[in-house]
């Protein structure tokens, strides 16, 4: 039975890697679920400090993921319309995954910036900021998932 639970945990880790790129499967929470399954349903157990650290790191990464896209827009000169465009783009992009997750915020921030500044080059620059923020979020989520996998490998 323990072998089956470990296999399920490995499958969840694979889904969590996919989820770092596609938010239909939220990568870090799935990795954390895998950790909890290993901890509670097998003879392997994590230290309480590791579980607490991974819990707070999960919350931090989740907030950071959305914040990075908005901050990327701001850093490249976007205003409130561009920020709102990113949020709307993220929501609409979810319906057209996986490519919609990249195109949605990019297009949303571009249109918001275009409404604000009516300058094509400036709007394009701002939308690149949203794209950089997206990839920064992907890197942060992957870091969490690989950290969780590392700790899982250590106990097995």
Foldseek 3Di string as FASTA:
>chain_A
DLVVLVVVLVVLLVLLLVCLQAVVRPNLVSLLVSLVSNQPPHPFHDDPVVNVVLVVLSVVLVVQLLVLLLVLLVVLPADDQLSVLLVQQCVVLNVVPDVSNQVRNLVRSLVSRCVVPVDNVSSNSSSVSNNVSNVVSSVSSVVSSVVSVVSVVVRD
